[in-house]
Every structure is written in C-alpha cells, then in structure tokens.
Amino acid sequence: MEIKVLGSGCPKCKLLEKNVVDTLKTLGKEAKVEKVTDYAEIAKYNVMSTPALVVDGKVVLTGRVPNPVELAKLLK
C-alpha cells in the first residue's frame, strides 16, 4: 500500500500525516507514507483543498482531517 498526504505543511496536513501513521500501527499494516508539499505534484491529483489523502494512486479524502474510525476504514 502506498499512501500520500498532500498539503502545504499546515497544522491540519501534519495532523493527517501523524494520524495515518498511528492508524496504520493500530491496524498492524505496513505502508509507505509520503508527504507531498509540491504544488505542481498536488495539482496532478486535481485536489483543490488540502489536506488530501491518496491511497494507491486514488484520492480518497480532501479538505479535512477524518476522525479515527473513518480513517481506519479508508486504510483497510
């Protein structure tokens, strides 16, 4: 599984990245987590609002930090 957290480095973006790592540990899953801050790279995903979460090349969330239950569902 490859996960990308898209965002400028704002507090919400950092929180999403931390929550992703924590949730993966809780689920016992291994995944490559990458933080993408380059605006040109973010634009390739047609994301207009950050933070955004990309799982295996598919945008699954934009513009907010999900609660732990929702995040676990997205990463299963």
PDB file of N, CA and C in Angstrom:
ATOM      1  N   MET A   1       0.844  -1.170   0.000  1.00  0.00           N
ATOM      2  CA  MET A   1       0.000   0.000   0.000  1.00  0.00           C
ATOM      3  C   MET A   1       0.894   1.238   0.000  1.00  0.00           C
ATOM      4  N   GLU A   2       0.531   2.174  -0.847  1.00  0.00           N
ATOM      5  CA  GLU A   2       1.266   3.440  -0.924  1.00  0.00           C
ATOM      6  C   GLU A   2       0.308   4.575  -0.587  1.00  0.00           C
ATOM      7  N   ILE A   3       0.690   5.376   0.397  1.00  0.00           N
ATOM      8  CA  ILE A   3      -0.165   6.463   0.872  1.00  0.00           C
ATOM      9  C   ILE A   3       0.572   7.783   0.721  1.00  0.00           C
ATOM     10  N   LYS A   4      -0.154   8.773   0.210  1.00  0.00           N
ATOM     11  CA  LYS A   4       0.405  10.121   0.092  1.00  0.00           C
ATOM     12  C   LYS A   4      -0.512  11.092   0.823  1.00  0.00           C
ATOM     13  N   VAL A   5       0.110  11.952   1.627  1.00  0.00           N
ATOM     14  CA  VAL A   5      -0.611  13.031   2.292  1.00  0.00           C
ATOM     15  C   VAL A   5      -0.243  14.295   1.537  1.00  0.00           C
ATOM     16  N   LEU A   6      -1.232  14.913   0.903  1.00  0.00           N
ATOM     17  CA  LEU A   6      -0.996  16.112   0.101  1.00  0.00           C
ATOM     18  C   LEU A   6      -1.317  17.343   0.927  1.00  0.00           C
ATOM     19  N   GLY A   7      -0.388  18.295   0.945  1.00  0.00           N
ATOM     20  CA  GLY A   7      -0.634  19.534   1.669  1.00  0.00           C
ATOM     21  C   GLY A   7       0.601  20.393   1.772  1.00  0.00           C
ATOM     22  N   SER A   8       0.382  21.625   2.157  1.00  0.00           N
ATOM     23  CA  SER A   8       1.449  22.622   2.194  1.00  0.00           C
ATOM     24  C   SER A   8       2.345  22.518   3.427  1.00  0.00           C
ATOM     25  N   GLY A   9       1.927  21.731   4.397  1.00  0.00           N
ATOM     26  CA  GLY A   9       2.672  21.655   5.648  1.00  0.00           C
ATOM     27  C   GLY A   9       1.963  22.380   6.776  1.00  0.00           C
ATOM     28  N   CYS A  10       0.684  22.697   6.558  1.00  0.00           N
ATOM     29  CA  CYS A  10      -0.117  23.365   7.584  1.00  0.00           C
ATOM     30  C   CYS A  10      -0.379  22.407   8.747  1.00  0.00           C
ATOM     31  N   PRO A  11      -0.851  22.911   9.866  1.00  0.00           N
ATOM     32  CA  PRO A  11      -1.114  22.038  11.016  1.00  0.00           C
ATOM     33  C   PRO A  11      -2.067  20.877  10.714  1.00  0.00           C
ATOM     34  N   LYS A  12      -3.105  21.115   9.903  1.00  0.00           N
ATOM     35  CA  LYS A  12      -4.035  20.033   9.561  1.00  0.00           C
ATOM     36  C   LYS A  12      -3.350  18.959   8.718  1.00  0.00           C
ATOM     37  N   CYS A  13      -2.458  19.379   7.824  1.00  0.00           N
ATOM     38  CA  CYS A  13      -1.725  18.430   6.990  1.00  0.00           C
ATOM     39  C   CYS A  13      -0.810  17.555   7.857  1.00  0.00           C
ATOM     40  N   LYS A  14      -0.150  18.176   8.795  1.00  0.00           N
ATOM     41  CA  LYS A  14       0.739  17.442   9.700  1.00  0.00           C
ATOM     42  C   LYS A  14      -0.051  16.488  10.586  1.00  0.00           C
ATOM     43  N   LEU A  15      -1.225  16.931  11.038  1.00  0.00           N
ATOM     44  CA  LEU A  15      -2.077  16.083  11.867  1.00  0.00           C
ATOM     45  C   LEU A  15      -2.554  14.866  11.071  1.00  0.00           C
ATOM     46  N   LEU A  16      -2.946  15.067   9.821  1.00  0.00           N
ATOM     47  CA  LEU A  16      -3.385  13.947   8.995  1.00  0.00           C
ATOM     48  C   LEU A  16      -2.259  12.944   8.816  1.00  0.00           C
ATOM     49  N   GLU A  17      -1.062  13.417   8.552  1.00  0.00           N
ATOM     50  CA  GLU A  17       0.079  12.516   8.382  1.00  0.00           C
ATOM     51  C   GLU A  17       0.321  11.706   9.660  1.00  0.00           C
ATOM     52  N   LYS A  18       0.301  12.368  10.806  1.00  0.00           N
ATOM     53  CA  LYS A  18       0.505  11.679  12.085  1.00  0.00           C
ATOM     54  C   LYS A  18      -0.593  10.649  12.321  1.00  0.00           C
ATOM     55  N   ASN A  19      -1.832  11.035  12.063  1.00  0.00           N
ATOM     56  CA  ASN A  19      -2.949  10.124  12.262  1.00  0.00           C
ATOM     57  C   ASN A  19      -2.881   8.912  11.341  1.00  0.00           C
ATOM     58  N   VAL A  20      -2.417   9.110  10.118  1.00  0.00           N
ATOM     59  CA  VAL A  20      -2.256   7.993   9.178  1.00  0.00           C
ATOM     60  C   VAL A  20      -1.239   7.001   9.733  1.00  0.00           C
ATOM     61  N   VAL A  21      -0.094   7.491  10.171  1.00  0.00           N
ATOM     62  CA  VAL A  21       0.954   6.625  10.715  1.00  0.00           C
ATOM     63  C   VAL A  21       0.438   5.885  11.951  1.00  0.00           C
ATOM     64  N   ASP A  22      -0.238   6.598  12.843  1.00  0.00           N
ATOM     65  CA  ASP A  22      -0.776   5.982  14.062  1.00  0.00           C
ATOM     66  C   ASP A  22      -1.828   4.920  13.733  1.00  0.00           C
ATOM     67  N   THR A  23      -2.693   5.223  12.777  1.00  0.00           N
ATOM     68  CA  THR A  23      -3.748   4.280  12.405  1.00  0.00           C
ATOM     69  C   THR A  23      -3.171   3.033  11.760  1.00  0.00           C
ATOM     70  N   LEU A  24      -2.154   3.195  10.934  1.00  0.00           N
ATOM     71  CA  LEU A  24      -1.507   2.028  10.319  1.00  0.00           C
ATOM     72  C   LEU A  24      -0.922   1.118  11.389  1.00  0.00           C
ATOM     73  N   LYS A  25      -0.311   1.707  12.404  1.00  0.00           N
ATOM     74  CA  LYS A  25       0.247   0.911  13.505  1.00  0.00           C
ATOM     75  C   LYS A  25      -0.867   0.164  14.233  1.00  0.00           C
ATOM     76  N   THR A  26      -1.964   0.861  14.504  1.00  0.00           N
ATOM     77  CA  THR A  26      -3.098   0.249  15.194  1.00  0.00           C
ATOM     78  C   THR A  26      -3.671  -0.923  14.392  1.00  0.00           C
ATOM     79  N   LEU A  27      -3.735  -0.757  13.071  1.00  0.00           N
ATOM     80  CA  LEU A  27      -4.274  -1.804  12.205  1.00  0.00           C
ATOM     81  C   LEU A  27      -3.262  -2.922  11.946  1.00  0.00           C
ATOM     82  N   GLY A  28      -2.004  -2.674  12.309  1.00  0.00           N
ATOM     83  CA  GLY A  28      -0.958  -3.660  12.052  1.00  0.00           C
ATOM     84  C   GLY A  28      -0.595  -3.767  10.587  1.00  0.00           C
ATOM     85  N   LYS A  29      -0.735  -2.657   9.862  1.00  0.00           N
ATOM     86  CA  LYS A  29      -0.460  -2.654   8.425  1.00  0.00           C
ATOM     87  C   LYS A  29       0.857  -1.936   8.130  1.00  0.00           C
ATOM     88  N   GLU A  30       1.523  -2.406   7.121  1.00  0.00           N
ATOM     89  CA  GLU A  30       2.736  -1.763   6.618  1.00  0.00           C
ATOM     90  C   GLU A  30       2.360  -0.960   5.375  1.00  0.00           C
ATOM     91  N   ALA A  31       2.879   0.233   5.266  1.00  0.00           N
ATOM     92  CA  ALA A  31       2.624   1.054   4.088  1.00  0.00           C
ATOM     93  C   ALA A  31       3.696   2.125   3.987  1.00  0.00           C
ATOM     94  N   LYS A  32       3.935   2.524   2.769  1.00  0.00           N
ATOM     95  CA  LYS A  32       4.836   3.641   2.523  1.00  0.00           C
ATOM     96  C   LYS A  32       3.997   4.918   2.616  1.00  0.00           C
ATOM     97  N   VAL A  33       4.368   5.806   3.537  1.00  0.00           N
ATOM     98  CA  VAL A  33       3.649   7.068   3.709  1.00  0.00           C
ATOM     99  C   VAL A  33       4.555   8.195   3.248  1.00  0.00           C
ATOM    100  N   GLU A  34       4.062   8.956   2.291  1.00  0.00           N
ATOM    101  CA  GLU A  34       4.847  10.052   1.717  1.00  0.00           C
ATOM    102  C   GLU A  34       4.097  11.369   1.890  1.00  0.00           C
ATOM    103  N   LYS A  35       4.814  12.398   2.289  1.00  0.00           N
ATOM    104  CA  LYS A  35       4.248  13.741   2.421  1.00  0.00           C
ATOM    105  C   LYS A  35       4.575  14.500   1.142  1.00  0.00           C
ATOM    106  N   VAL A  36       3.559  15.022   0.467  1.00  0.00           N
ATOM    107  CA  VAL A  36       3.747  15.755  -0.777  1.00  0.00           C
ATOM    108  C   VAL A  36       3.380  17.212  -0.533  1.00  0.00           C
ATOM    109  N   THR A  37       4.380  18.093  -0.660  1.00  0.00           N
ATOM    110  CA  THR A  37       4.149  19.522  -0.434  1.00  0.00           C
ATOM    111  C   THR A  37       4.298  20.354  -1.699  1.00  0.00           C
ATOM    112  N   ASP A  38       4.783  19.753  -2.765  1.00  0.00           N
ATOM    113  CA  ASP A  38       4.997  20.458  -4.025  1.00  0.00           C
ATOM    114  C   ASP A  38       3.654  20.729  -4.708  1.00  0.00           C
ATOM    115  N   TYR A  39       3.344  21.994  -4.945  1.00  0.00           N
ATOM    116  CA  TYR A  39       2.050  22.366  -5.508  1.00  0.00           C
ATOM    117  C   TYR A  39       1.812  21.756  -6.884  1.00  0.00           C
ATOM    118  N   ALA A  40       2.853  21.649  -7.694  1.00  0.00           N
ATOM    119  CA  ALA A  40       2.704  21.048  -9.021  1.00  0.00           C
ATOM    120  C   ALA A  40       2.317  19.577  -8.907  1.00  0.00           C
ATOM    121  N   GLU A  41       2.907  18.882  -7.953  1.00  0.00           N
ATOM    122  CA  GLU A  41       2.591  17.465  -7.739  1.00  0.00           C
ATOM    123  C   GLU A  41       1.167  17.317  -7.201  1.00  0.00           C
ATOM    124  N   ILE A  42       0.773  18.188  -6.276  1.00  0.00           N
ATOM    125  CA  ILE A  42      -0.583  18.155  -5.723  1.00  0.00           C
ATOM    126  C   ILE A  42      -1.603  18.408  -6.829  1.00  0.00           C
ATOM    127  N   ALA A  43      -1.301  19.339  -7.727  1.00  0.00           N
ATOM    128  CA  ALA A  43      -2.214  19.679  -8.820  1.00  0.00           C
ATOM    129  C   ALA A  43      -2.460  18.491  -9.746  1.00  0.00           C
ATOM    130  N   LYS A  44      -1.510  17.591  -9.859  1.00  0.00           N
ATOM    131  CA  LYS A  44      -1.682  16.405 -10.714  1.00  0.00           C
ATOM    132  C   LYS A  44      -2.848  15.538 -10.243  1.00  0.00           C
ATOM    133  N   TYR A  45      -3.200  15.651  -8.974  1.00  0.00           N
ATOM    134  CA  TYR A  45      -4.308  14.872  -8.421  1.00  0.00           C
ATOM    135  C   TYR A  45      -5.638  15.628  -8.484  1.00  0.00           C
ATOM    136  N   ASN A  46      -5.654  16.818  -9.088  1.00  0.00           N
ATOM    137  CA  ASN A  46      -6.848  17.660  -9.197  1.00  0.00           C
ATOM    138  C   ASN A  46      -7.464  17.955  -7.830  1.00  0.00           C
ATOM    139  N   VAL A  47      -6.601  18.153  -6.844  1.00  0.00           N
ATOM    140  CA  VAL A  47      -7.046  18.458  -5.490  1.00  0.00           C
ATOM    141  C   VAL A  47      -7.098  19.972  -5.326  1.00  0.00           C
ATOM    142  N   MET A  48      -8.256  20.472  -4.929  1.00  0.00           N
ATOM    143  CA  MET A  48      -8.424  21.907  -4.760  1.00  0.00           C
ATOM    144  C   MET A  48      -8.359  22.326  -3.292  1.00  0.00           C
ATOM    145  N   SER A  49      -8.436  21.356  -2.390  1.00  0.00           N
ATOM    146  CA  SER A  49      -8.470  21.649  -0.967  1.00  0.00           C
ATOM    147  C   SER A  49      -7.606  20.631  -0.230  1.00  0.00           C
ATOM    148  N   THR A  50      -6.724  21.135   0.635  1.00  0.00           N
ATOM    149  CA  THR A  50      -5.859  20.247   1.397  1.00  0.00           C
ATOM    150  C   THR A  50      -6.209  20.364   2.876  1.00  0.00           C
ATOM    151  N   PRO A  51      -5.873  19.373   3.673  1.00  0.00           N
ATOM    152  CA  PRO A  51      -5.092  18.201   3.324  1.00  0.00           C
ATOM    153  C   PRO A  51      -5.907  17.221   2.484  1.00  0.00           C
ATOM    154  N   ALA A  52      -5.185  16.385   1.771  1.00  0.00           N
ATOM    155  CA  ALA A  52      -5.821  15.347   0.972  1.00  0.00           C
ATOM    156  C   ALA A  52      -5.072  14.039   1.202  1.00  0.00           C
ATOM    157  N   LEU A  53      -5.783  12.956   1.028  1.00  0.00           N
ATOM    158  CA  LEU A  53      -5.208  11.640   1.248  1.00  0.00           C
ATOM    159  C   LEU A  53      -5.357  10.819  -0.023  1.00  0.00           C
ATOM    160  N   VAL A  54      -4.226  10.253  -0.470  1.00  0.00           N
ATOM    161  CA  VAL A  54      -4.197   9.422  -1.669  1.00  0.00           C
ATOM    162  C   VAL A  54      -3.745   8.029  -1.251  1.00  0.00           C
ATOM    163  N   VAL A  55      -4.555   7.027  -1.574  1.00  0.00           N
ATOM    164  CA  VAL A  55      -4.221   5.645  -1.253  1.00  0.00           C
ATOM    165  C   VAL A  55      -4.105   4.872  -2.561  1.00  0.00           C
ATOM    166  N   ASP A  56      -2.925   4.331  -2.821  1.00  0.00           N
ATOM    167  CA  ASP A  56      -2.644   3.574  -4.038  1.00  0.00           C
ATOM    168  C   ASP A  56      -3.071   4.339  -5.292  1.00  0.00           C
ATOM    169  N   GLY A  57      -2.747   5.635  -5.331  1.00  0.00           N
ATOM    170  CA  GLY A  57      -2.985   6.455  -6.513  1.00  0.00           C
ATOM    171  C   GLY A  57      -4.376   7.043  -6.624  1.00  0.00           C
ATOM    172  N   LYS A  58      -5.275   6.744  -5.681  1.00  0.00           N
ATOM    173  CA  LYS A  58      -6.644   7.242  -5.736  1.00  0.00           C
ATOM    174  C   LYS A  58      -6.879   8.228  -4.595  1.00  0.00           C
ATOM    175  N   VAL A  59      -7.408   9.404  -4.935  1.00  0.00           N
ATOM    176  CA  VAL A  59      -7.744  10.405  -3.918  1.00  0.00           C
ATOM    177  C   VAL A  59      -8.972   9.904  -3.161  1.00  0.00           C
ATOM    178  N   VAL A  60      -8.831   9.715  -1.845  1.00  0.00           N
ATOM    179  CA  VAL A  60      -9.934   9.187  -1.043  1.00  0.00           C
ATOM    180  C   VAL A  60     -10.503  10.212  -0.070  1.00  0.00           C
ATOM    181  N   LEU A  61      -9.821  11.359   0.085  1.00  0.00           N
ATOM    182  CA  LEU A  61     -10.276  12.365   1.039  1.00  0.00           C
ATOM    183  C   LEU A  61      -9.636  13.705   0.708  1.00  0.00           C
ATOM    184  N   THR A  62     -10.423  14.776   0.781  1.00  0.00           N
ATOM    185  CA  THR A  62      -9.855  16.115   0.577  1.00  0.00           C
ATOM    186  C   THR A  62     -10.476  17.108   1.553  1.00  0.00           C
ATOM    187  N   GLY A  63      -9.667  18.085   1.935  1.00  0.00           N
ATOM    188  CA  GLY A  63     -10.157  19.244   2.658  1.00  0.00           C
ATOM    189  C   GLY A  63     -10.410  19.112   4.137  1.00  0.00           C
ATOM    190  N   ARG A  64     -10.084  17.954   4.723  1.00  0.00           N
ATOM    191  CA  ARG A  64     -10.345  17.815   6.154  1.00  0.00           C
ATOM    192  C   ARG A  64      -9.525  16.661   6.730  1.00  0.00           C
ATOM    193  N   VAL A  65      -9.522  16.604   8.058  1.00  0.00           N
ATOM    194  CA  VAL A  65      -8.868  15.505   8.769  1.00  0.00           C
ATOM    195  C   VAL A  65      -9.989  14.607   9.289  1.00  0.00           C
ATOM    196  N   PRO A  66     -10.029  13.350   8.865  1.00  0.00           N
ATOM    197  CA  PRO A  66     -11.118  12.460   9.284  1.00  0.00           C
ATOM    198  C   PRO A  66     -10.951  12.012  10.740  1.00  0.00           C
ATOM    199  N   ASN A  67     -12.054  11.560  11.337  1.00  0.00           N
ATOM    200  CA  ASN A  67     -11.961  11.007  12.678  1.00  0.00           C
ATOM    201  C   ASN A  67     -11.278   9.639  12.591  1.00  0.00           C
ATOM    202  N   PRO A  68     -10.781   9.097  13.697  1.00  0.00           N
ATOM    203  CA  PRO A  68     -10.023   7.846  13.669  1.00  0.00           C
ATOM    204  C   PRO A  68     -10.778   6.662  13.055  1.00  0.00           C
ATOM    205  N   VAL A  69     -12.073   6.569  13.302  1.00  0.00           N
ATOM    206  CA  VAL A  69     -12.863   5.459  12.760  1.00  0.00           C
ATOM    207  C   VAL A  69     -12.922   5.537  11.230  1.00  0.00           C
ATOM    208  N   GLU A  70     -13.197   6.740  10.708  1.00  0.00           N
ATOM    209  CA  GLU A  70     -13.264   6.933   9.260  1.00  0.00           C
ATOM    210  C   GLU A  70     -11.904   6.675   8.615  1.00  0.00           C
ATOM    211  N   LEU A  71     -10.865   7.147   9.246  1.00  0.00           N
ATOM    212  CA  LEU A  71      -9.517   6.953   8.703  1.00  0.00           C
ATOM    213  C   LEU A  71      -9.170   5.469   8.645  1.00  0.00           C
ATOM    214  N   ALA A  72      -9.526   4.719   9.671  1.00  0.00           N
ATOM    215  CA  ALA A  72      -9.277   3.281   9.677  1.00  0.00           C
ATOM    216  C   ALA A  72      -9.999   2.589   8.526  1.00  0.00           C
ATOM    217  N   LYS A  73     -11.232   3.010   8.242  1.00  0.00           N
ATOM    218  CA  LYS A  73     -11.994   2.430   7.117  1.00  0.00           C
ATOM    219  C   LYS A  73     -11.313   2.729   5.794  1.00  0.00           C
ATOM    220  N   LEU A  74     -10.775   3.939   5.646  1.00  0.00           N
ATOM    221  CA  LEU A  74     -10.113   4.329   4.402  1.00  0.00           C
ATOM    222  C   LEU A  74      -8.812   3.557   4.175  1.00  0.00           C
ATOM    223  N   LEU A  75      -8.173   3.139   5.265  1.00  0.00           N
ATOM    224  CA  LEU A  75      -6.864   2.482   5.158  1.00  0.00           C
ATOM    225  C   LEU A  75      -6.929   0.952   5.197  1.00  0.00           C
ATOM    226  N   LYS A  76      -8.110   0.393   5.353  1.00  0.00           N
ATOM    227  CA  LYS A  76      -8.232  -1.070   5.424  1.00  0.00           C
ATOM    228  C   LYS A  76      -8.053  -1.733   4.093  1.00  0.00           C
TER     229      LYS A  76
END
